[in-house]
Amino acid sequence: LRLVPIEVVPTGAHQQSLWGGAGEQDERAR
């Protein structure tokens, strides 16, 4: 098995949603 990063961002650069996180339902959908 081999894991290769294709796209990376600075830690903390990903903007979460307004009310604190993406939400459990969004993660379940993904």
PDB file of all heavy atoms in Angstrom:
ATOM      1  N   LEU A   1       0.853  -1.181   0.000  1.00  0.00           N
ATOM      2  CA  LEU A   1       0.000   0.000   0.000  1.00  0.00           C
ATOM      3  C   LEU A   1       0.892   1.234   0.000  1.00  0.00           C
ATOM      4  O   LEU A   1       1.924   1.255   0.671  1.00  0.00           O
ATOM      5  CB  LEU A   1      -0.899   0.050   1.234  1.00  0.00           C
ATOM      6  CG  LEU A   1      -2.087  -0.911   1.318  1.00  0.00           C
ATOM      7  CD1 LEU A   1      -2.806  -0.705   2.638  1.00  0.00           C
ATOM      8  CD2 LEU A   1      -3.036  -0.686   0.163  1.00  0.00           C
ATOM      9  N   ARG A   2       0.481   2.251  -0.730  1.00  0.00           N
ATOM     10  CA  ARG A   2       1.250   3.496  -0.783  1.00  0.00           C
ATOM     11  C   ARG A   2       0.295   4.673  -0.744  1.00  0.00           C
ATOM     12  O   ARG A   2      -0.677   4.718  -1.517  1.00  0.00           O
ATOM     13  CB  ARG A   2       2.103   3.547  -2.047  1.00  0.00           C
ATOM     14  CG  ARG A   2       2.995   4.790  -2.158  1.00  0.00           C
ATOM     15  CD  ARG A   2       3.957   4.665  -3.326  1.00  0.00           C
ATOM     16  NE  ARG A   2       4.705   5.873  -3.562  1.00  0.00           N
ATOM     17  CZ  ARG A   2       5.801   6.242  -2.911  1.00  0.00           C
ATOM     18  NH1 ARG A   2       6.262   5.452  -1.943  1.00  0.00           N
ATOM     19  NH2 ARG A   2       6.433   7.348  -3.189  1.00  0.00           N
ATOM     20  N   LEU A   3       0.562   5.620   0.152  1.00  0.00           N
ATOM     21  CA  LEU A   3      -0.235   6.828   0.302  1.00  0.00           C
ATOM     22  C   LEU A   3       0.591   8.011  -0.194  1.00  0.00           C
ATOM     23  O   LEU A   3       1.687   8.258   0.315  1.00  0.00           O
ATOM     24  CB  LEU A   3      -0.635   7.042   1.769  1.00  0.00           C
ATOM     25  CG  LEU A   3      -1.402   5.900   2.447  1.00  0.00           C
ATOM     26  CD1 LEU A   3      -1.615   6.222   3.918  1.00  0.00           C
ATOM     27  CD2 LEU A   3      -2.730   5.656   1.759  1.00  0.00           C
ATOM     28  N   VAL A   4       0.061   8.733  -1.183  1.00  0.00           N
ATOM     29  CA  VAL A   4       0.772   9.853  -1.792  1.00  0.00           C
ATOM     30  C   VAL A   4      -0.095  11.101  -1.671  1.00  0.00           C
ATOM     31  O   VAL A   4      -1.228  11.118  -2.168  1.00  0.00           O
ATOM     32  CB  VAL A   4       1.090   9.588  -3.277  1.00  0.00           C
ATOM     33  CG1 VAL A   4       1.873  10.749  -3.873  1.00  0.00           C
ATOM     34  CG2 VAL A   4       1.850   8.283  -3.439  1.00  0.00           C
ATOM     35  N   PRO A   5       0.390  12.168  -1.010  1.00  0.00           N
ATOM     36  CA  PRO A   5      -0.412  13.400  -0.948  1.00  0.00           C
ATOM     37  C   PRO A   5      -0.407  14.116  -2.297  1.00  0.00           C
ATOM     38  O   PRO A   5       0.641  14.375  -2.883  1.00  0.00           O
ATOM     39  CB  PRO A   5       0.308  14.232   0.128  1.00  0.00           C
ATOM     40  CG  PRO A   5       1.714  13.738   0.096  1.00  0.00           C
ATOM     41  CD  PRO A   5       1.656  12.279  -0.281  1.00  0.00           C
ATOM     42  N   ILE A   6      -1.577  14.439  -2.805  1.00  0.00           N
ATOM     43  CA  ILE A   6      -1.711  15.137  -4.086  1.00  0.00           C
ATOM     44  C   ILE A   6      -1.889  16.633  -3.875  1.00  0.00           C
ATOM     45  O   ILE A   6      -1.277  17.446  -4.559  1.00  0.00           O
ATOM     46  CB  ILE A   6      -2.894  14.557  -4.881  1.00  0.00           C
ATOM     47  CG1 ILE A   6      -2.681  13.059  -5.131  1.00  0.00           C
ATOM     48  CG2 ILE A   6      -3.051  15.291  -6.212  1.00  0.00           C
ATOM     49  CD1 ILE A   6      -1.402  12.720  -5.890  1.00  0.00           C
ATOM     50  N   GLU A   7      -2.706  17.018  -2.910  1.00  0.00           N
ATOM     51  CA  GLU A   7      -2.911  18.427  -2.591  1.00  0.00           C
ATOM     52  C   GLU A   7      -2.829  18.607  -1.081  1.00  0.00           C
ATOM     53  O   GLU A   7      -3.439  17.847  -0.326  1.00  0.00           O
ATOM     54  CB  GLU A   7      -4.265  18.924  -3.098  1.00  0.00           C
ATOM     55  CG  GLU A   7      -4.372  18.996  -4.610  1.00  0.00           C
ATOM     56  CD  GLU A   7      -5.708  19.539  -5.069  1.00  0.00           C
ATOM     57  OE1 GLU A   7      -6.483  19.990  -4.187  1.00  0.00           O
ATOM     58  OE2 GLU A   7      -5.979  19.506  -6.274  1.00  0.00           O
ATOM     59  N   VAL A   8      -2.062  19.599  -0.659  1.00  0.00           N
ATOM     60  CA  VAL A   8      -1.925  19.905   0.759  1.00  0.00           C
ATOM     61  C   VAL A   8      -2.184  21.395   0.970  1.00  0.00           C
ATOM     62  O   VAL A   8      -2.025  22.208   0.054  1.00  0.00           O
ATOM     63  CB  VAL A   8      -0.527  19.532   1.296  1.00  0.00           C
ATOM     64  CG1 VAL A   8      -0.312  18.037   1.231  1.00  0.00           C
ATOM     65  CG2 VAL A   8       0.568  20.258   0.527  1.00  0.00           C
ATOM     66  N   VAL A   9      -2.603  21.733   2.172  1.00  0.00           N
ATOM     67  CA  VAL A   9      -2.849  23.126   2.548  1.00  0.00           C
ATOM     68  C   VAL A   9      -2.165  23.370   3.884  1.00  0.00           C
ATOM     69  O   VAL A   9      -1.907  22.428   4.641  1.00  0.00           O
ATOM     70  CB  VAL A   9      -4.361  23.430   2.659  1.00  0.00           C
ATOM     71  CG1 VAL A   9      -5.052  23.275   1.329  1.00  0.00           C
ATOM     72  CG2 VAL A   9      -5.016  22.532   3.710  1.00  0.00           C
ATOM     73  N   PRO A  10      -1.838  24.629   4.190  1.00  0.00           N
ATOM     74  CA  PRO A  10      -1.281  24.916   5.517  1.00  0.00           C
ATOM     75  C   PRO A  10      -2.262  24.529   6.615  1.00  0.00           C
ATOM     76  O   PRO A  10      -3.475  24.639   6.461  1.00  0.00           O
ATOM     77  CB  PRO A  10      -1.042  26.430   5.486  1.00  0.00           C
ATOM     78  CG  PRO A  10      -0.953  26.767   4.031  1.00  0.00           C
ATOM     79  CD  PRO A  10      -1.856  25.812   3.322  1.00  0.00           C
ATOM     80  N   THR A  11      -1.730  24.048   7.707  1.00  0.00           N
ATOM     81  CA  THR A  11      -2.573  23.652   8.829  1.00  0.00           C
ATOM     82  C   THR A  11      -3.404  24.835   9.293  1.00  0.00           C
ATOM     83  O   THR A  11      -2.885  25.924   9.524  1.00  0.00           O
ATOM     84  CB  THR A  11      -1.712  23.143   9.993  1.00  0.00           C
ATOM     85  OG1 THR A  11      -0.907  22.055   9.528  1.00  0.00           O
ATOM     86  CG2 THR A  11      -2.576  22.673  11.140  1.00  0.00           C
ATOM     87  N   GLY A  12      -4.700  24.621   9.404  1.00  0.00           N
ATOM     88  CA  GLY A  12      -5.594  25.694   9.815  1.00  0.00           C
ATOM     89  C   GLY A  12      -6.124  26.532   8.682  1.00  0.00           C
ATOM     90  O   GLY A  12      -6.926  27.436   8.905  1.00  0.00           O
ATOM     91  N   ALA A  13      -5.666  26.255   7.439  1.00  0.00           N
ATOM     92  CA  ALA A  13      -6.133  27.071   6.310  1.00  0.00           C
ATOM     93  C   ALA A  13      -7.540  26.709   5.885  1.00  0.00           C
ATOM     94  O   ALA A  13      -8.217  27.508   5.251  1.00  0.00           O
ATOM     95  CB  ALA A  13      -5.189  26.914   5.121  1.00  0.00           C
ATOM     96  N   HIS A  14      -8.004  25.495   6.220  1.00  0.00           N
ATOM     97  CA  HIS A  14      -9.350  25.099   5.819  1.00  0.00           C
ATOM     98  C   HIS A  14     -10.371  25.788   6.693  1.00  0.00           C
ATOM     99  O   HIS A  14     -10.362  25.661   7.918  1.00  0.00           O
ATOM    100  CB  HIS A  14      -9.508  23.575   5.926  1.00  0.00           C
ATOM    101  CG  HIS A  14     -10.848  23.098   5.482  1.00  0.00           C
ATOM    102  ND1 HIS A  14     -11.847  22.782   6.373  1.00  0.00           N
ATOM    103  CD2 HIS A  14     -11.366  22.911   4.247  1.00  0.00           C
ATOM    104  CE1 HIS A  14     -12.924  22.389   5.705  1.00  0.00           C
ATOM    105  NE2 HIS A  14     -12.664  22.464   4.428  1.00  0.00           N
ATOM    106  N   GLN A  15     -11.259  26.541   6.089  1.00  0.00           N
ATOM    107  CA  GLN A  15     -12.261  27.318   6.811  1.00  0.00           C
ATOM    108  C   GLN A  15     -13.430  26.429   7.210  1.00  0.00           C
ATOM    109  O   GLN A  15     -14.077  25.810   6.362  1.00  0.00           O
ATOM    110  CB  GLN A  15     -12.762  28.463   5.939  1.00  0.00           C
ATOM    111  CG  GLN A  15     -13.799  29.321   6.616  1.00  0.00           C
ATOM    112  CD  GLN A  15     -13.207  30.091   7.777  1.00  0.00           C
ATOM    113  OE1 GLN A  15     -12.117  30.635   7.670  1.00  0.00           O
ATOM    114  NE2 GLN A  15     -13.925  30.140   8.881  1.00  0.00           N
ATOM    115  N   GLN A  16     -13.717  26.348   8.502  1.00  0.00           N
ATOM    116  CA  GLN A  16     -14.858  25.586   8.971  1.00  0.00           C
ATOM    117  C   GLN A  16     -16.135  26.425   8.823  1.00  0.00           C
ATOM    118  O   GLN A  16     -16.084  27.627   8.569  1.00  0.00           O
ATOM    119  CB  GLN A  16     -14.656  25.199  10.446  1.00  0.00           C
ATOM    120  CG  GLN A  16     -13.446  24.309  10.673  1.00  0.00           C
ATOM    121  CD  GLN A  16     -13.600  22.953  10.054  1.00  0.00           C
ATOM    122  OE1 GLN A  16     -14.721  22.463   9.888  1.00  0.00           O
ATOM    123  NE2 GLN A  16     -12.493  22.324   9.698  1.00  0.00           N
ATOM    124  N   SER A  17     -17.262  25.771   9.003  1.00  0.00           N
ATOM    125  CA  SER A  17     -18.528  26.481   8.869  1.00  0.00           C
ATOM    126  C   SER A  17     -18.749  27.419  10.058  1.00  0.00           C
ATOM    127  O   SER A  17     -18.049  27.358  11.066  1.00  0.00           O
ATOM    128  CB  SER A  17     -19.689  25.478   8.776  1.00  0.00           C
ATOM    129  OG  SER A  17     -19.685  24.614   9.897  1.00  0.00           O
ATOM    130  N   LEU A  18     -19.749  28.290   9.935  1.00  0.00           N
ATOM    131  CA  LEU A  18     -19.914  29.385  10.870  1.00  0.00           C
ATOM    132  C   LEU A  18     -20.160  28.902  12.286  1.00  0.00           C
ATOM    133  O   LEU A  18     -19.667  29.484  13.250  1.00  0.00           O
ATOM    134  CB  LEU A  18     -21.072  30.278  10.397  1.00  0.00           C
ATOM    135  CG  LEU A  18     -21.357  31.512  11.243  1.00  0.00           C
ATOM    136  CD1 LEU A  18     -20.151  32.437  11.258  1.00  0.00           C
ATOM    137  CD2 LEU A  18     -22.582  32.239  10.710  1.00  0.00           C
ATOM    138  N   TRP A  19     -20.910  27.820  12.442  1.00  0.00           N
ATOM    139  CA  TRP A  19     -21.317  27.401  13.780  1.00  0.00           C
ATOM    140  C   TRP A  19     -20.462  26.256  14.308  1.00  0.00           C
ATOM    141  O   TRP A  19     -20.918  25.425  15.065  1.00  0.00           O
ATOM    142  CB  TRP A  19     -22.795  27.007  13.782  1.00  0.00           C
ATOM    143  CG  TRP A  19     -23.654  28.094  13.257  1.00  0.00           C
ATOM    144  CD1 TRP A  19     -24.356  28.100  12.100  1.00  0.00           C
ATOM    145  CD2 TRP A  19     -23.865  29.371  13.850  1.00  0.00           C
ATOM    146  NE1 TRP A  19     -24.996  29.287  11.920  1.00  0.00           N
ATOM    147  CE2 TRP A  19     -24.723  30.091  12.987  1.00  0.00           C
ATOM    148  CE3 TRP A  19     -23.427  29.990  15.020  1.00  0.00           C
ATOM    149  CZ2 TRP A  19     -25.140  31.390  13.266  1.00  0.00           C
ATOM    150  CZ3 TRP A  19     -23.844  31.277  15.288  1.00  0.00           C
ATOM    151  CH2 TRP A  19     -24.697  31.957  14.429  1.00  0.00           C
ATOM    152  N   GLY A  20     -19.218  26.206  13.892  1.00  0.00           N
ATOM    153  CA  GLY A  20     -18.279  25.288  14.544  1.00  0.00           C
ATOM    154  C   GLY A  20     -18.207  23.929  13.912  1.00  0.00           C
ATOM    155  O   GLY A  20     -18.712  22.961  14.474  1.00  0.00           O
ATOM    156  N   GLY A  21     -17.581  23.801  12.757  1.00  0.00           N
ATOM    157  CA  GLY A  21     -17.365  22.503  12.157  1.00  0.00           C
ATOM    158  C   GLY A  21     -18.296  22.228  11.007  1.00  0.00           C
ATOM    159  O   GLY A  21     -19.291  22.919  10.783  1.00  0.00           O
ATOM    160  N   ALA A  22     -17.981  21.155  10.276  1.00  0.00           N
ATOM    161  CA  ALA A  22     -18.772  20.820   9.106  1.00  0.00           C
ATOM    162  C   ALA A  22     -20.074  20.127   9.460  1.00  0.00           C
ATOM    163  O   ALA A  22     -20.991  20.089   8.679  1.00  0.00           O
ATOM    164  CB  ALA A  22     -17.945  19.938   8.162  1.00  0.00           C
ATOM    165  N   GLY A  23     -20.150  19.567  10.658  1.00  0.00           N
ATOM    166  CA  GLY A  23     -21.380  18.914  11.057  1.00  0.00           C
ATOM    167  C   GLY A  23     -21.334  17.410  10.845  1.00  0.00           C
ATOM    168  O   GLY A  23     -20.759  16.911   9.880  1.00  0.00           O
ATOM    169  N   GLU A  24     -21.979  16.680  11.767  1.00  0.00           N
ATOM    170  CA  GLU A  24     -21.959  15.216  11.694  1.00  0.00           C
ATOM    171  C   GLU A  24     -22.725  14.721  10.469  1.00  0.00           C
ATOM    172  O   GLU A  24     -22.315  13.747   9.828  1.00  0.00           O
ATOM    173  CB  GLU A  24     -22.573  14.647  12.976  1.00  0.00           C
ATOM    174  CG  GLU A  24     -22.581  13.124  13.024  1.00  0.00           C
ATOM    175  CD  GLU A  24     -23.193  12.610  14.303  1.00  0.00           C
ATOM    176  OE1 GLU A  24     -23.506  13.422  15.189  1.00  0.00           O
ATOM    177  OE2 GLU A  24     -23.370  11.385  14.407  1.00  0.00           O
ATOM    178  N   GLN A  25     -23.825  15.377  10.118  1.00  0.00           N
ATOM    179  CA  GLN A  25     -24.597  14.930   8.967  1.00  0.00           C
ATOM    180  C   GLN A  25     -23.823  15.118   7.670  1.00  0.00           C
ATOM    181  O   GLN A  25     -23.885  14.274   6.769  1.00  0.00           O
ATOM    182  CB  GLN A  25     -25.924  15.689   8.912  1.00  0.00           C
ATOM    183  CG  GLN A  25     -26.867  15.379  10.072  1.00  0.00           C
ATOM    184  CD  GLN A  25     -28.187  16.099   9.937  1.00  0.00           C
ATOM    185  OE1 GLN A  25     -28.351  16.955   9.070  1.00  0.00           O
ATOM    186  NE2 GLN A  25     -29.136  15.761  10.804  1.00  0.00           N
ATOM    187  N   ASP A  26     -23.077  16.227   7.560  1.00  0.00           N
ATOM    188  CA  ASP A  26     -22.257  16.423   6.362  1.00  0.00           C
ATOM    189  C   ASP A  26     -21.205  15.341   6.234  1.00  0.00           C
ATOM    190  O   ASP A  26     -20.951  14.816   5.138  1.00  0.00           O
ATOM    191  CB  ASP A  26     -21.595  17.799   6.415  1.00  0.00           C
ATOM    192  CG  ASP A  26     -22.607  18.931   6.326  1.00  0.00           C
ATOM    193  OD1 ASP A  26     -23.723  18.665   5.855  1.00  0.00           O
ATOM    194  OD2 ASP A  26     -22.279  20.046   6.731  1.00  0.00           O
ATOM    195  N   GLU A  27     -20.565  14.991   7.332  1.00  0.00           N
ATOM    196  CA  GLU A  27     -19.539  13.953   7.279  1.00  0.00           C
ATOM    197  C   GLU A  27     -20.140  12.597   6.928  1.00  0.00           C
ATOM    198  O   GLU A  27     -19.574  11.823   6.152  1.00  0.00           O
ATOM    199  CB  GLU A  27     -18.814  13.884   8.629  1.00  0.00           C
ATOM    200  CG  GLU A  27     -17.697  12.853   8.684  1.00  0.00           C
ATOM    201  CD  GLU A  27     -16.602  13.131   7.676  1.00  0.00           C
ATOM    202  OE1 GLU A  27     -16.412  14.294   7.292  1.00  0.00           O
ATOM    203  OE2 GLU A  27     -15.937  12.154   7.249  1.00  0.00           O
ATOM    204  N   ARG A  28     -21.316  12.285   7.465  1.00  0.00           N
ATOM    205  CA  ARG A  28     -21.979  11.022   7.135  1.00  0.00           C
ATOM    206  C   ARG A  28     -22.343  10.986   5.655  1.00  0.00           C
ATOM    207  O   ARG A  28     -22.213   9.954   5.001  1.00  0.00           O
ATOM    208  CB  ARG A  28     -23.227  10.849   8.003  1.00  0.00           C
ATOM    209  CG  ARG A  28     -22.934  10.541   9.454  1.00  0.00           C
ATOM    210  CD  ARG A  28     -24.200  10.586  10.289  1.00  0.00           C
ATOM    211  NE  ARG A  28     -25.209   9.688   9.769  1.00  0.00           N
ATOM    212  CZ  ARG A  28     -26.473   9.669  10.190  1.00  0.00           C
ATOM    213  NH1 ARG A  28     -26.854  10.531  11.118  1.00  0.00           N
ATOM    214  NH2 ARG A  28     -27.325   8.809   9.687  1.00  0.00           N
ATOM    215  N   ALA A  29     -22.770  12.131   5.118  1.00  0.00           N
ATOM    216  CA  ALA A  29     -23.109  12.181   3.693  1.00  0.00           C
ATOM    217  C   ALA A  29     -21.872  11.954   2.835  1.00  0.00           C
ATOM    218  O   ALA A  29     -21.921  11.229   1.834  1.00  0.00           O
ATOM    219  CB  ALA A  29     -23.766  13.524   3.364  1.00  0.00           C
ATOM    220  N   ARG A  30     -20.752  12.588   3.204  1.00  0.00           N
ATOM    221  CA  ARG A  30     -19.524  12.383   2.432  1.00  0.00           C
ATOM    222  C   ARG A  30     -19.068  10.938   2.483  1.00  0.00           C
ATOM    223  O   ARG A  30     -18.632  10.372   1.483  1.00  0.00           O
ATOM    224  CB  ARG A  30     -18.431  13.314   2.958  1.00  0.00           C
ATOM    225  CG  ARG A  30     -18.609  14.766   2.570  1.00  0.00           C
ATOM    226  CD  ARG A  30     -17.349  15.557   2.828  1.00  0.00           C
ATOM    227  NE  ARG A  30     -17.087  15.686   4.256  1.00  0.00           N
ATOM    228  CZ  ARG A  30     -17.492  16.715   5.004  1.00  0.00           C
ATOM    229  NH1 ARG A  30     -18.190  17.688   4.436  1.00  0.00           N
ATOM    230  NH2 ARG A  30     -17.194  16.772   6.274  1.00  0.00           N
TER     231      ARG A  30
END
